[in-house]
Structure formats: structure tokens, C-alpha cells
N, C-alpha and C. Protein backbone atom coordinates (compact mmCIF):
# COMPACT_ATOMS: atom_id res chain seq x y z
N UNK A 1 -8.83 -62.92 59.89
CA UNK A 1 -7.70 -62.20 59.16
C UNK A 1 -7.29 -63.74 58.26
N UNK A 2 -7.10 -63.36 57.20
CA UNK A 2 -6.53 -64.25 56.19
C UNK A 2 -4.93 -63.95 56.19
N UNK A 3 -4.17 -65.10 55.52
CA UNK A 3 -2.67 -64.89 55.42
C UNK A 3 -1.98 -63.67 54.76
N UNK A 4 -3.03 -63.30 53.39
CA UNK A 4 -2.55 -62.06 52.70
C UNK A 4 -2.56 -60.77 53.97
N UNK A 5 -3.93 -60.67 54.43
CA UNK A 5 -3.56 -59.67 55.62
C UNK A 5 -2.60 -59.80 56.63
N UNK A 6 -2.20 -60.91 57.09
CA UNK A 6 -1.40 -60.85 58.29
C UNK A 6 0.18 -60.87 57.71
N UNK A 7 0.29 -61.08 56.49
CA UNK A 7 1.56 -60.48 55.52
C UNK A 7 1.56 -59.27 55.35
N UNK A 8 0.63 -58.28 55.01
CA UNK A 8 0.38 -57.06 54.83
C UNK A 8 0.57 -56.49 56.34
N UNK A 9 0.12 -56.62 57.28
CA UNK A 9 0.30 -56.42 58.52
C UNK A 9 1.69 -56.25 59.24
N UNK A 10 2.39 -57.33 58.75
CA UNK A 10 3.44 -57.83 59.13
C UNK A 10 4.62 -56.82 58.50
N UNK A 11 4.39 -56.68 56.97
CA UNK A 11 5.64 -55.88 56.00
C UNK A 11 5.23 -54.20 56.94
N UNK A 12 3.64 -53.95 57.13
CA UNK A 12 3.80 -52.68 57.68
C UNK A 12 4.55 -52.27 58.96
N UNK A 13 4.31 -53.23 59.66
CA UNK A 13 5.43 -53.30 61.08
C UNK A 13 6.54 -53.24 60.59
N UNK A 14 7.12 -54.20 59.93
CA UNK A 14 8.83 -53.84 59.54
C UNK A 14 9.01 -52.78 59.18
N UNK A 15 8.22 -52.19 58.24
CA UNK A 15 8.67 -50.82 57.52
C UNK A 15 8.68 -49.60 58.64
N UNK A 16 7.61 -49.94 59.42
CA UNK A 16 7.61 -48.42 60.64
C UNK A 16 8.72 -48.90 61.34
N UNK A 17 9.11 -50.16 61.85
CA UNK A 17 10.27 -50.26 62.62
C UNK A 17 11.59 -49.89 61.68
N UNK A 18 11.56 -50.14 60.52
CA UNK A 18 12.84 -49.94 59.62
C UNK A 18 13.06 -48.25 59.82
N UNK A 19 11.75 -47.58 59.58
CA UNK A 19 11.95 -46.28 59.23
C UNK A 19 12.18 -45.35 60.78
N UNK A 20 11.42 -46.15 61.71
CA UNK A 20 11.77 -45.56 63.19
C UNK A 20 13.35 -45.37 63.29
N UNK A 21 13.86 -46.79 63.14
CA UNK A 21 15.34 -46.82 63.38
C UNK A 21 16.07 -45.77 62.61
N UNK A 22 15.67 -45.76 61.07
CA UNK A 22 16.32 -44.85 60.33
C UNK A 22 16.29 -43.68 60.81
N UNK A 23 14.92 -42.93 61.51
CA UNK A 23 14.87 -42.03 62.08
C UNK A 23 15.59 -41.35 63.25
N UNK A 24 16.00 -42.54 63.77
CA UNK A 24 16.61 -42.25 65.21
C UNK A 24 18.01 -42.26 64.63
N UNK A 25 18.62 -42.84 63.98
CA UNK A 25 19.94 -43.05 63.67
C UNK A 25 20.17 -41.59 62.86
N UNK A 26 19.41 -40.81 61.92
CA UNK A 26 19.62 -39.74 61.41
C UNK A 26 19.67 -38.79 62.38
N UNK A 27 18.86 -38.67 63.13
CA UNK A 27 18.73 -37.63 64.63
C UNK A 27 19.94 -37.73 65.40
N UNK A 28 20.52 -38.87 65.68
CA UNK A 28 21.48 -39.46 66.37
C UNK A 28 23.01 -38.62 65.70
N UNK A 29 23.16 -38.90 64.13
CA UNK A 29 23.90 -38.33 63.61
C UNK A 29 24.14 -36.84 63.65
N UNK A 30 22.66 -36.16 63.35
CA UNK A 30 22.41 -34.95 63.06
C UNK A 30 23.07 -33.77 64.65
N UNK A 31 22.53 -34.59 65.58
CA UNK A 31 22.74 -33.92 66.86
C UNK A 31 24.31 -34.23 67.08
N UNK A 32 24.63 -35.17 66.85
CA UNK A 32 26.39 -35.37 66.82
C UNK A 32 27.21 -34.47 66.26
N UNK A 33 26.63 -34.00 65.14
CA UNK A 33 27.37 -33.15 64.03
C UNK A 33 27.04 -31.82 64.82
N UNK A 34 25.84 -31.41 65.01
CA UNK A 34 25.45 -30.20 65.66
C UNK A 34 26.48 -29.90 67.19
N UNK A 35 26.54 -31.04 67.90
CA UNK A 35 27.18 -30.90 69.28
C UNK A 35 28.44 -30.68 68.74
N UNK A 36 29.34 -31.52 67.69
CA UNK A 36 30.66 -31.04 67.75
C UNK A 36 30.89 -29.86 67.21
N UNK A 37 30.12 -29.24 66.27
CA UNK A 37 30.08 -27.95 65.90
C UNK A 37 30.08 -27.00 66.88
N UNK A 38 29.00 -27.08 67.83
CA UNK A 38 28.88 -26.17 68.78
C UNK A 38 30.15 -26.46 69.91
N UNK A 39 30.13 -27.61 70.34
CA UNK A 39 31.62 -27.21 71.11
C UNK A 39 32.95 -26.94 70.51
N UNK A 40 33.23 -27.10 69.00
CA UNK A 40 34.30 -26.37 68.69
C UNK A 40 34.23 -25.37 68.61
N UNK A 41 33.08 -24.74 68.36
CA UNK A 41 33.01 -23.08 68.48
C UNK A 41 33.05 -22.51 69.73
N UNK A 42 32.59 -23.43 71.19
CA UNK A 42 32.59 -22.96 72.39
C UNK A 42 34.20 -22.92 72.87
N UNK A 43 34.95 -24.11 71.82
CA UNK A 43 36.07 -24.22 72.86
C UNK A 43 37.14 -23.31 71.98
N UNK A 44 37.14 -22.62 70.96
CA UNK A 44 37.78 -21.83 70.18
C UNK A 44 37.21 -20.19 70.80
N UNK A 45 36.18 -20.10 71.42
CA UNK A 45 36.01 -18.92 72.02
C UNK A 45 36.58 -18.74 73.63
N UNK A 46 36.56 -19.88 74.28
CA UNK A 46 37.18 -20.09 75.09
C UNK A 46 38.80 -19.64 74.75
N UNK A 47 39.43 -20.58 74.24
CA UNK A 47 40.86 -20.28 73.94
C UNK A 47 41.02 -19.00 73.53
N UNK A 48 40.04 -18.40 72.90
CA UNK A 48 40.64 -16.90 72.57
C UNK A 48 40.51 -15.84 74.12
N UNK A 49 39.48 -16.22 74.83
CA UNK A 49 39.61 -15.49 76.03
C UNK A 49 40.57 -15.82 77.03
N UNK A 50 40.83 -17.14 77.14
CA UNK A 50 42.28 -17.39 77.57
C UNK A 50 43.51 -16.63 77.20
N UNK A 51 43.61 -16.63 75.94
CA UNK A 51 44.89 -15.96 75.40
C UNK A 51 44.67 -14.10 75.84
N UNK A 52 43.16 -13.99 75.61
CA UNK A 52 43.15 -12.37 75.84
C UNK A 52 43.66 -12.20 77.51
N UNK A 53 43.29 -13.20 78.19
CA UNK A 53 43.33 -13.00 79.66
C UNK A 53 44.80 -12.91 80.14
N UNK A 54 45.61 -13.69 79.13
CA UNK A 54 47.03 -13.82 79.62
C UNK A 54 47.86 -12.77 79.33
N UNK A 55 47.15 -12.15 77.70
CA UNK A 55 47.85 -10.83 77.07
C UNK A 55 47.45 -9.96 78.19
N UNK A 56 46.53 -9.47 78.82
CA UNK A 56 46.66 -8.66 79.68
C UNK A 56 46.94 -8.84 81.11
N UNK A 57 47.29 -9.98 81.31
CA UNK A 57 48.06 -10.17 82.78
C UNK A 57 49.47 -9.48 82.37
N UNK A 58 50.02 -10.11 81.50
CA UNK A 58 51.26 -9.71 80.88
C UNK A 58 51.51 -8.32 80.89
N UNK A 59 50.76 -7.79 80.05
CA UNK A 59 50.93 -6.38 79.79
C UNK A 59 50.52 -5.60 81.22
N UNK A 60 49.81 -6.19 81.89
CA UNK A 60 49.45 -4.97 83.39
C UNK A 60 50.81 -5.32 84.04
N UNK A 61 51.62 -6.61 84.03
CA UNK A 61 52.79 -6.92 84.72
C UNK A 61 54.22 -6.02 84.02
N UNK A 62 53.77 -5.45 82.49
CA UNK A 62 54.89 -4.92 82.44
C UNK A 62 54.71 -3.33 82.29
N UNK A 63 53.50 -2.92 82.98
CA UNK A 63 53.16 -1.29 83.47
C UNK A 63 52.55 -1.07 82.07
N UNK A 64 51.93 -1.59 81.40
CA UNK A 64 51.21 -1.02 80.07
C UNK A 64 49.97 -0.26 80.84
N UNK A 65 49.44 0.66 80.05
CA UNK A 65 48.19 1.67 80.52
C UNK A 65 46.88 0.87 80.32
N UNK A 66 45.77 0.91 80.95
CA UNK A 66 44.72 0.43 80.60
C UNK A 66 44.17 1.00 79.29
N UNK A 67 44.14 2.27 79.14
CA UNK A 67 43.98 2.47 77.66
C UNK A 67 44.74 1.73 76.53
N UNK A 68 46.07 1.66 76.51
CA UNK A 68 46.63 0.71 75.78
C UNK A 68 46.40 -0.44 75.37
N UNK A 69 45.92 -1.20 76.94
CA UNK A 69 45.65 -2.43 76.85
C UNK A 69 44.31 -2.93 76.17
N UNK A 70 43.44 -1.75 76.48
CA UNK A 70 41.97 -2.01 76.21
C UNK A 70 42.29 -1.76 74.32
N UNK A 71 42.94 -1.00 73.87
CA UNK A 71 43.14 -0.84 72.08
C UNK A 71 43.40 -1.94 71.70
N UNK A 72 44.43 -2.52 72.40
CA UNK A 72 45.16 -3.68 71.79
C UNK A 72 44.18 -4.88 71.86
N UNK A 73 43.38 -5.08 72.76
CA UNK A 73 42.64 -5.97 72.91
C UNK A 73 41.07 -5.70 72.66
N UNK A 74 40.83 -4.91 72.10
CA UNK A 74 39.46 -4.22 71.43
C UNK A 74 38.23 -4.51 72.73
N UNK A 75 38.67 -4.37 73.59
CA UNK A 75 37.50 -3.77 74.63
C UNK A 75 37.62 -2.65 75.35
N UNK A 76 36.44 -2.37 75.78
CA UNK A 76 36.09 -1.03 76.59
C UNK A 76 37.34 -0.94 77.88
N UNK A 77 37.77 0.12 78.29
CA UNK A 77 38.29 0.50 79.29
C UNK A 77 37.93 -0.23 80.38
N UNK A 78 36.83 -0.26 80.81
CA UNK A 78 36.09 -0.71 82.04
C UNK A 78 36.18 -2.33 82.00
N UNK A 79 36.07 -3.01 81.20
CA UNK A 79 36.16 -4.49 80.99
C UNK A 79 37.61 -5.03 81.32
N UNK A 80 38.65 -4.14 80.49
CA UNK A 80 39.92 -4.19 81.07
C UNK A 80 40.26 -4.00 82.63
N UNK A 81 39.63 -3.01 82.86
CA UNK A 81 40.07 -2.65 84.31
C UNK A 81 39.52 -3.95 85.18
N UNK A 82 38.21 -4.39 84.93
CA UNK A 82 37.61 -5.45 85.68
C UNK A 82 38.53 -6.59 85.52
N UNK A 83 38.94 -7.37 84.07
CA UNK A 83 39.90 -8.26 83.96
C UNK A 83 41.51 -8.13 84.78
N UNK A 84 41.92 -6.86 84.70
CA UNK A 84 43.18 -6.79 85.25
C UNK A 84 42.96 -7.26 87.10
N UNK A 85 41.96 -6.95 87.48
CA UNK A 85 41.82 -7.09 88.99
C UNK A 85 41.48 -8.44 88.91
N UNK A 86 40.64 -8.89 88.13
CA UNK A 86 40.50 -10.72 88.12
C UNK A 86 41.74 -11.45 87.83
N UNK A 87 42.67 -11.12 86.93
CA UNK A 87 44.00 -11.72 86.71
C UNK A 87 44.82 -11.15 87.52
N UNK A 88 44.83 -10.43 88.54
CA UNK A 88 45.89 -10.15 89.72
C UNK A 88 45.36 -11.28 90.93
N UNK A 89 43.88 -11.43 90.84
CA UNK A 89 43.58 -12.32 92.02
C UNK A 89 44.00 -13.99 91.55
N UNK A 90 43.49 -13.96 90.22
CA UNK A 90 43.89 -15.47 89.63
C UNK A 90 44.65 -15.35 88.47
N UNK A 91 45.88 -15.01 88.27
CA UNK A 91 46.81 -15.58 87.30
C UNK A 91 46.56 -16.54 86.23
N UNK A 92 46.46 -16.26 85.15
CA UNK A 92 46.37 -17.52 84.04
C UNK A 92 47.74 -18.33 84.14
N UNK A 93 47.36 -19.49 83.62
CA UNK A 93 48.74 -20.41 83.59
C UNK A 93 49.61 -19.57 82.34
N UNK A 94 50.67 -19.70 82.40
CA UNK A 94 51.50 -19.05 81.38
C UNK A 94 52.26 -20.31 80.81
N UNK A 95 52.20 -20.38 79.49
CA UNK A 95 52.78 -21.94 78.83
C UNK A 95 54.14 -21.10 77.80
């Protein structure tokens, strides 16, 4: 192998390393961005559900009917009844 071939081989290897490193970095950045978006979405959904649980708990405590609670939280009465049973056993924290 001549010097020119050795230089070409080294340049190819260097380009491959740089390309691989760039690909890894780009993949990490995209993965992090997607992870943050998914985490934010899940956090918002969890917060909304916690708010619904607290509302159902308070409404039940005040004697509001299951039908009225269901209408207010836009859930089927069966789900509201199950949620009432759940919050009676494990009340949400009130802030």
C-alpha cells in the first residue's frame, strides 16, 4: 500500500467516524425532543385526570348527583360511579 492509499484509507475512516458521531448526536437530540414532548403530554393528561378526580370527590362530598357530575366532567355515569368509589377509598389531595 502506498502513501496515497494509506491517506485515502485514513480519510475514509475519519469521515466514517465523524458521520457516525454526527448521526449519534442527531439521534440523541431527536430522541430527547420526542421524549420531552411525550413527557409533557403525559404530564398534562395526568394533571387533567387529577383535577377531574378532585372535582368528582368534592362534588360527591357536597351531594351532587352522579348524573350531574357525569354531565359536568363529560364522562359516562358508570365511570363516574366507579371514580366516586375510588375517591371515597383514596381521596385526592386538596390544594
